[in-house]
N, C-alpha and C. Protein backbone atom coordinates (compact mmCIF):
# COMPACT_ATOMS: atom_id res chain seq x y z
N MET A 1 -16.26 -18.53 4.13
CA MET A 1 -15.81 -17.66 5.21
C MET A 1 -14.28 -17.57 5.24
N ILE A 2 -13.62 -18.67 4.90
CA ILE A 2 -12.16 -18.66 4.92
C ILE A 2 -11.63 -17.75 3.81
N CYS A 3 -12.30 -17.74 2.66
CA CYS A 3 -11.87 -16.88 1.56
C CYS A 3 -11.95 -15.41 1.96
N THR A 4 -13.03 -15.01 2.62
CA THR A 4 -13.15 -13.61 3.04
C THR A 4 -12.11 -13.27 4.10
N LEU A 5 -11.76 -14.23 4.93
CA LEU A 5 -10.75 -14.00 5.95
C LEU A 5 -9.38 -13.82 5.31
N LEU A 6 -9.05 -14.63 4.32
CA LEU A 6 -7.74 -14.54 3.67
C LEU A 6 -7.59 -13.25 2.88
N VAL A 7 -8.66 -12.81 2.24
CA VAL A 7 -8.60 -11.61 1.43
C VAL A 7 -8.68 -10.36 2.31
N GLY A 8 -9.25 -10.47 3.48
CA GLY A 8 -9.36 -9.35 4.39
C GLY A 8 -10.66 -8.59 4.27
N VAL A 9 -11.68 -9.21 3.72
CA VAL A 9 -12.99 -8.57 3.58
C VAL A 9 -13.75 -8.75 4.88
N VAL A 10 -14.21 -7.64 5.44
CA VAL A 10 -14.98 -7.68 6.68
C VAL A 10 -16.45 -7.89 6.33
N PRO A 11 -17.06 -8.95 6.82
CA PRO A 11 -18.49 -9.17 6.51
C PRO A 11 -19.36 -8.14 7.22
N ASP A 12 -20.55 -7.92 6.67
CA ASP A 12 -21.47 -6.95 7.27
C ASP A 12 -22.59 -7.67 8.01
N ASP A 13 -23.51 -6.90 8.57
CA ASP A 13 -24.61 -7.46 9.36
C ASP A 13 -25.56 -8.29 8.51
N GLU A 14 -25.75 -7.88 7.26
CA GLU A 14 -26.66 -8.63 6.39
C GLU A 14 -26.16 -10.06 6.18
N MET A 15 -24.85 -10.22 6.07
CA MET A 15 -24.31 -11.57 5.93
C MET A 15 -24.55 -12.39 7.20
N GLY A 16 -24.47 -11.74 8.35
CA GLY A 16 -24.75 -12.42 9.60
C GLY A 16 -26.19 -12.91 9.68
N TYR A 17 -27.12 -12.06 9.23
CA TYR A 17 -28.54 -12.47 9.22
C TYR A 17 -28.77 -13.64 8.28
N LYS A 18 -28.09 -13.62 7.13
CA LYS A 18 -28.23 -14.73 6.18
C LYS A 18 -27.65 -16.02 6.77
N LEU A 19 -26.52 -15.90 7.48
CA LEU A 19 -25.93 -17.10 8.09
C LEU A 19 -26.83 -17.69 9.17
N ILE A 20 -27.47 -16.83 9.95
CA ILE A 20 -28.41 -17.32 10.96
C ILE A 20 -29.59 -18.02 10.30
N ALA A 21 -30.10 -17.42 9.21
CA ALA A 21 -31.26 -18.02 8.53
C ALA A 21 -30.91 -19.35 7.88
N ILE A 22 -29.69 -19.48 7.36
CA ILE A 22 -29.32 -20.70 6.64
C ILE A 22 -28.79 -21.77 7.59
N PHE A 23 -27.85 -21.41 8.47
CA PHE A 23 -27.16 -22.41 9.30
C PHE A 23 -27.62 -22.44 10.75
N GLY A 24 -28.12 -21.32 11.28
CA GLY A 24 -28.52 -21.25 12.69
C GLY A 24 -27.43 -20.62 13.53
N GLN A 25 -27.79 -20.25 14.79
CA GLN A 25 -26.85 -19.54 15.65
C GLN A 25 -25.78 -20.45 16.25
N ASP A 26 -26.04 -21.72 16.36
CA ASP A 26 -25.07 -22.62 16.98
C ASP A 26 -24.12 -23.27 15.97
N SER A 27 -24.15 -22.84 14.72
CA SER A 27 -23.30 -23.48 13.70
C SER A 27 -21.88 -22.94 13.75
N HIS A 28 -20.99 -23.74 13.21
CA HIS A 28 -19.58 -23.34 13.14
C HIS A 28 -19.40 -22.11 12.26
N THR A 29 -20.17 -22.02 11.19
CA THR A 29 -20.07 -20.89 10.26
C THR A 29 -20.44 -19.58 10.94
N PHE A 30 -21.50 -19.59 11.72
CA PHE A 30 -21.91 -18.37 12.40
C PHE A 30 -20.92 -18.00 13.50
N ARG A 31 -20.36 -18.98 14.20
CA ARG A 31 -19.34 -18.68 15.21
C ARG A 31 -18.10 -18.07 14.57
N LYS A 32 -17.73 -18.58 13.39
CA LYS A 32 -16.61 -18.01 12.64
C LYS A 32 -16.91 -16.56 12.26
N TYR A 33 -18.14 -16.31 11.83
CA TYR A 33 -18.56 -14.95 11.49
C TYR A 33 -18.47 -14.03 12.72
N GLN A 34 -18.90 -14.53 13.88
CA GLN A 34 -18.83 -13.71 15.09
C GLN A 34 -17.39 -13.38 15.46
N ARG A 35 -16.50 -14.37 15.34
CA ARG A 35 -15.09 -14.12 15.64
C ARG A 35 -14.50 -13.10 14.67
N MET A 36 -14.88 -13.23 13.40
CA MET A 36 -14.38 -12.27 12.41
C MET A 36 -14.89 -10.86 12.70
N MET A 37 -16.15 -10.75 13.08
CA MET A 37 -16.71 -9.43 13.39
C MET A 37 -16.10 -8.84 14.65
N TYR A 38 -15.59 -9.66 15.54
CA TYR A 38 -14.97 -9.16 16.75
C TYR A 38 -13.52 -8.73 16.49
N TRP A 39 -12.74 -9.57 15.81
CA TRP A 39 -11.31 -9.33 15.70
C TRP A 39 -10.90 -8.49 14.50
N MET A 40 -11.56 -8.61 13.38
CA MET A 40 -11.10 -7.91 12.18
C MET A 40 -11.13 -6.39 12.31
N PRO A 41 -12.16 -5.78 12.88
CA PRO A 41 -12.09 -4.32 13.05
C PRO A 41 -10.99 -3.89 14.01
N LYS A 42 -10.65 -4.71 14.98
CA LYS A 42 -9.57 -4.36 15.92
C LYS A 42 -8.22 -4.34 15.21
N PHE A 43 -8.02 -5.27 14.27
CA PHE A 43 -6.74 -5.36 13.57
C PHE A 43 -6.68 -4.51 12.31
N LYS A 44 -7.76 -3.82 12.01
CA LYS A 44 -7.82 -3.07 10.76
C LYS A 44 -6.78 -1.95 10.72
N PHE A 45 -6.66 -1.21 11.79
CA PHE A 45 -5.75 -0.07 11.81
C PHE A 45 -4.54 -0.31 12.71
N ILE A 46 -4.21 -1.56 12.98
CA ILE A 46 -3.05 -1.84 13.82
C ILE A 46 -1.74 -1.61 13.07
N ASN A 47 -1.76 -1.74 11.76
CA ASN A 47 -0.58 -1.51 10.94
C ASN A 47 -0.41 -0.01 10.73
N PRO A 48 0.76 0.56 11.09
CA PRO A 48 0.93 2.01 10.89
C PRO A 48 1.07 2.37 9.42
N TYR A 49 1.30 1.40 8.54
CA TYR A 49 1.47 1.64 7.12
C TYR A 49 0.27 1.13 6.33
N TYR A 50 -0.93 1.42 6.79
CA TYR A 50 -2.11 0.91 6.12
C TYR A 50 -2.24 1.52 4.72
N VAL A 51 -2.83 0.78 3.82
CA VAL A 51 -3.04 1.24 2.45
C VAL A 51 -4.36 2.00 2.41
N PRO A 52 -4.36 3.22 1.88
CA PRO A 52 -5.62 3.98 1.83
C PRO A 52 -6.61 3.35 0.86
N TYR A 53 -7.87 3.70 1.04
CA TYR A 53 -8.93 3.14 0.20
C TYR A 53 -8.79 3.58 -1.25
N THR A 54 -8.48 4.85 -1.46
CA THR A 54 -8.30 5.35 -2.83
C THR A 54 -6.82 5.62 -3.05
N LEU A 55 -6.25 4.94 -4.01
CA LEU A 55 -4.84 5.12 -4.34
C LEU A 55 -4.70 6.21 -5.40
N PRO A 56 -3.61 6.97 -5.35
CA PRO A 56 -3.41 8.00 -6.38
C PRO A 56 -3.11 7.37 -7.73
N ASN A 57 -3.47 8.07 -8.80
CA ASN A 57 -3.22 7.57 -10.15
C ASN A 57 -1.82 7.90 -10.63
N ASP A 58 -1.15 8.83 -9.98
CA ASP A 58 0.19 9.24 -10.38
C ASP A 58 1.21 8.20 -9.96
N ASP A 59 2.08 7.81 -10.88
CA ASP A 59 3.09 6.79 -10.59
C ASP A 59 4.11 7.27 -9.56
N ILE A 60 4.43 8.55 -9.61
CA ILE A 60 5.41 9.09 -8.66
C ILE A 60 4.86 9.05 -7.24
N GLU A 61 3.58 9.38 -7.08
CA GLU A 61 2.97 9.33 -5.75
C GLU A 61 2.91 7.90 -5.23
N LEU A 62 2.61 6.94 -6.11
CA LEU A 62 2.61 5.54 -5.69
C LEU A 62 4.00 5.10 -5.27
N ALA A 63 5.03 5.54 -6.00
CA ALA A 63 6.40 5.20 -5.64
C ALA A 63 6.79 5.82 -4.30
N LYS A 64 6.34 7.05 -4.06
CA LYS A 64 6.61 7.70 -2.76
C LYS A 64 5.99 6.91 -1.62
N MET A 65 4.73 6.48 -1.83
CA MET A 65 4.05 5.70 -0.79
C MET A 65 4.79 4.39 -0.53
N ALA A 66 5.26 3.74 -1.59
CA ALA A 66 6.00 2.49 -1.42
C ALA A 66 7.30 2.72 -0.67
N LEU A 67 8.02 3.78 -1.00
CA LEU A 67 9.28 4.07 -0.31
C LEU A 67 9.05 4.42 1.16
N LYS A 68 7.99 5.13 1.46
CA LYS A 68 7.69 5.44 2.85
C LYS A 68 7.37 4.18 3.64
N ARG A 69 6.71 3.22 2.99
CA ARG A 69 6.40 1.95 3.66
C ARG A 69 7.66 1.12 3.88
N MET A 70 8.61 1.20 2.96
CA MET A 70 9.83 0.39 3.06
C MET A 70 10.84 0.97 4.04
N SER A 71 10.76 2.28 4.32
CA SER A 71 11.75 2.90 5.18
C SER A 71 11.54 2.48 6.63
N VAL A 72 12.64 2.38 7.35
CA VAL A 72 12.59 1.96 8.74
C VAL A 72 12.18 3.13 9.63
N ASP A 73 12.74 4.29 9.36
CA ASP A 73 12.47 5.48 10.16
C ASP A 73 11.22 6.18 9.62
N LEU A 74 10.27 6.46 10.49
CA LEU A 74 9.02 7.09 10.07
C LEU A 74 9.20 8.56 9.71
N GLU A 75 10.30 9.18 10.13
CA GLU A 75 10.52 10.60 9.88
C GLU A 75 11.31 10.86 8.59
N ASN A 76 11.58 9.84 7.80
CA ASN A 76 12.29 10.03 6.54
C ASN A 76 11.47 10.87 5.58
N VAL A 77 12.17 11.68 4.80
CA VAL A 77 11.53 12.53 3.80
C VAL A 77 11.94 12.01 2.42
N VAL A 78 10.97 11.81 1.56
CA VAL A 78 11.24 11.33 0.22
C VAL A 78 11.25 12.52 -0.73
N THR A 79 12.36 12.69 -1.45
CA THR A 79 12.46 13.75 -2.45
C THR A 79 12.54 13.11 -3.83
N VAL A 80 12.00 13.81 -4.81
CA VAL A 80 11.95 13.29 -6.17
C VAL A 80 12.93 14.07 -7.03
N HIS A 81 13.81 13.35 -7.71
CA HIS A 81 14.74 13.95 -8.67
C HIS A 81 14.37 13.42 -10.04
N HIS A 82 14.19 14.31 -11.00
CA HIS A 82 13.82 13.89 -12.34
C HIS A 82 15.06 13.43 -13.08
N VAL A 83 15.02 12.23 -13.59
CA VAL A 83 16.18 11.62 -14.22
C VAL A 83 16.54 12.33 -15.52
N ARG A 84 15.56 12.81 -16.23
CA ARG A 84 15.83 13.48 -17.49
C ARG A 84 16.71 14.70 -17.26
N ASP A 85 16.42 15.49 -16.23
CA ASP A 85 17.23 16.67 -15.93
C ASP A 85 18.65 16.26 -15.56
N LEU A 86 18.80 15.24 -14.76
CA LEU A 86 20.13 14.80 -14.38
C LEU A 86 20.90 14.30 -15.59
N TYR A 87 20.23 13.61 -16.49
CA TYR A 87 20.89 13.10 -17.68
C TYR A 87 21.38 14.25 -18.55
N LEU A 88 20.57 15.30 -18.69
CA LEU A 88 20.99 16.45 -19.49
C LEU A 88 22.18 17.15 -18.86
N TYR A 89 22.20 17.30 -17.54
CA TYR A 89 23.33 17.94 -16.88
C TYR A 89 24.60 17.12 -17.06
N LYS A 90 24.50 15.83 -16.94
CA LYS A 90 25.68 14.98 -17.13
C LYS A 90 26.15 15.06 -18.57
N ARG A 91 25.22 15.10 -19.51
CA ARG A 91 25.58 15.14 -20.91
C ARG A 91 26.29 16.45 -21.24
N VAL A 92 25.79 17.58 -20.72
CA VAL A 92 26.44 18.87 -20.94
C VAL A 92 27.82 18.87 -20.33
N ASP A 93 27.95 18.29 -19.14
CA ASP A 93 29.24 18.23 -18.47
C ASP A 93 30.23 17.39 -19.29
N VAL A 94 29.79 16.31 -19.86
CA VAL A 94 30.66 15.47 -20.68
C VAL A 94 31.07 16.21 -21.94
N ILE A 95 30.15 16.96 -22.55
CA ILE A 95 30.49 17.72 -23.74
C ILE A 95 31.53 18.78 -23.41
N HIS A 96 31.38 19.46 -22.28
CA HIS A 96 32.36 20.48 -21.88
C HIS A 96 33.72 19.84 -21.61
N ARG A 97 33.75 18.71 -20.98
CA ARG A 97 35.02 18.03 -20.74
C ARG A 97 35.67 17.62 -22.05
N HIS A 98 34.85 17.17 -22.98
CA HIS A 98 35.37 16.73 -24.28
C HIS A 98 36.00 17.91 -25.02
N LYS A 99 35.33 19.06 -24.96
CA LYS A 99 35.87 20.26 -25.63
C LYS A 99 37.17 20.68 -24.97
N LYS A 100 37.24 20.61 -23.66
CA LYS A 100 38.46 20.99 -22.96
C LYS A 100 39.60 20.05 -23.35
N ILE A 101 39.29 18.81 -23.47
CA ILE A 101 40.31 17.84 -23.84
C ILE A 101 40.77 18.09 -25.28
N MET A 102 39.83 18.42 -26.17
CA MET A 102 40.17 18.65 -27.56
C MET A 102 41.01 19.92 -27.72
N LEU A 103 40.81 20.92 -26.83
CA LEU A 103 41.57 22.16 -26.93
C LEU A 103 43.03 21.96 -26.53
N LYS A 104 43.30 21.00 -25.74
CA LYS A 104 44.68 20.81 -25.28
C LYS A 104 45.45 20.27 -26.39
């Protein structure tokens, strides 16, 4: 029961029936199960930055989700700039500067 609590797995009704059949209703294990069934659903959505059940496969989308979770302000907007494009613009700019310097 402690392992499921640490991992965050919410037990279902079938597990409760098995605990009653094996240990009985007055056992510590079944009382732990009852407490877990009471409190875990209440705390499930208390975090405003909950992780969705299905994560996107795109690395950029995962990075956006991580940045939104790390930001303090909930109204922040995450924009994506492609590094390859920026690198090409800087490289062209350096080449133009080099030519200007060579012309002098």
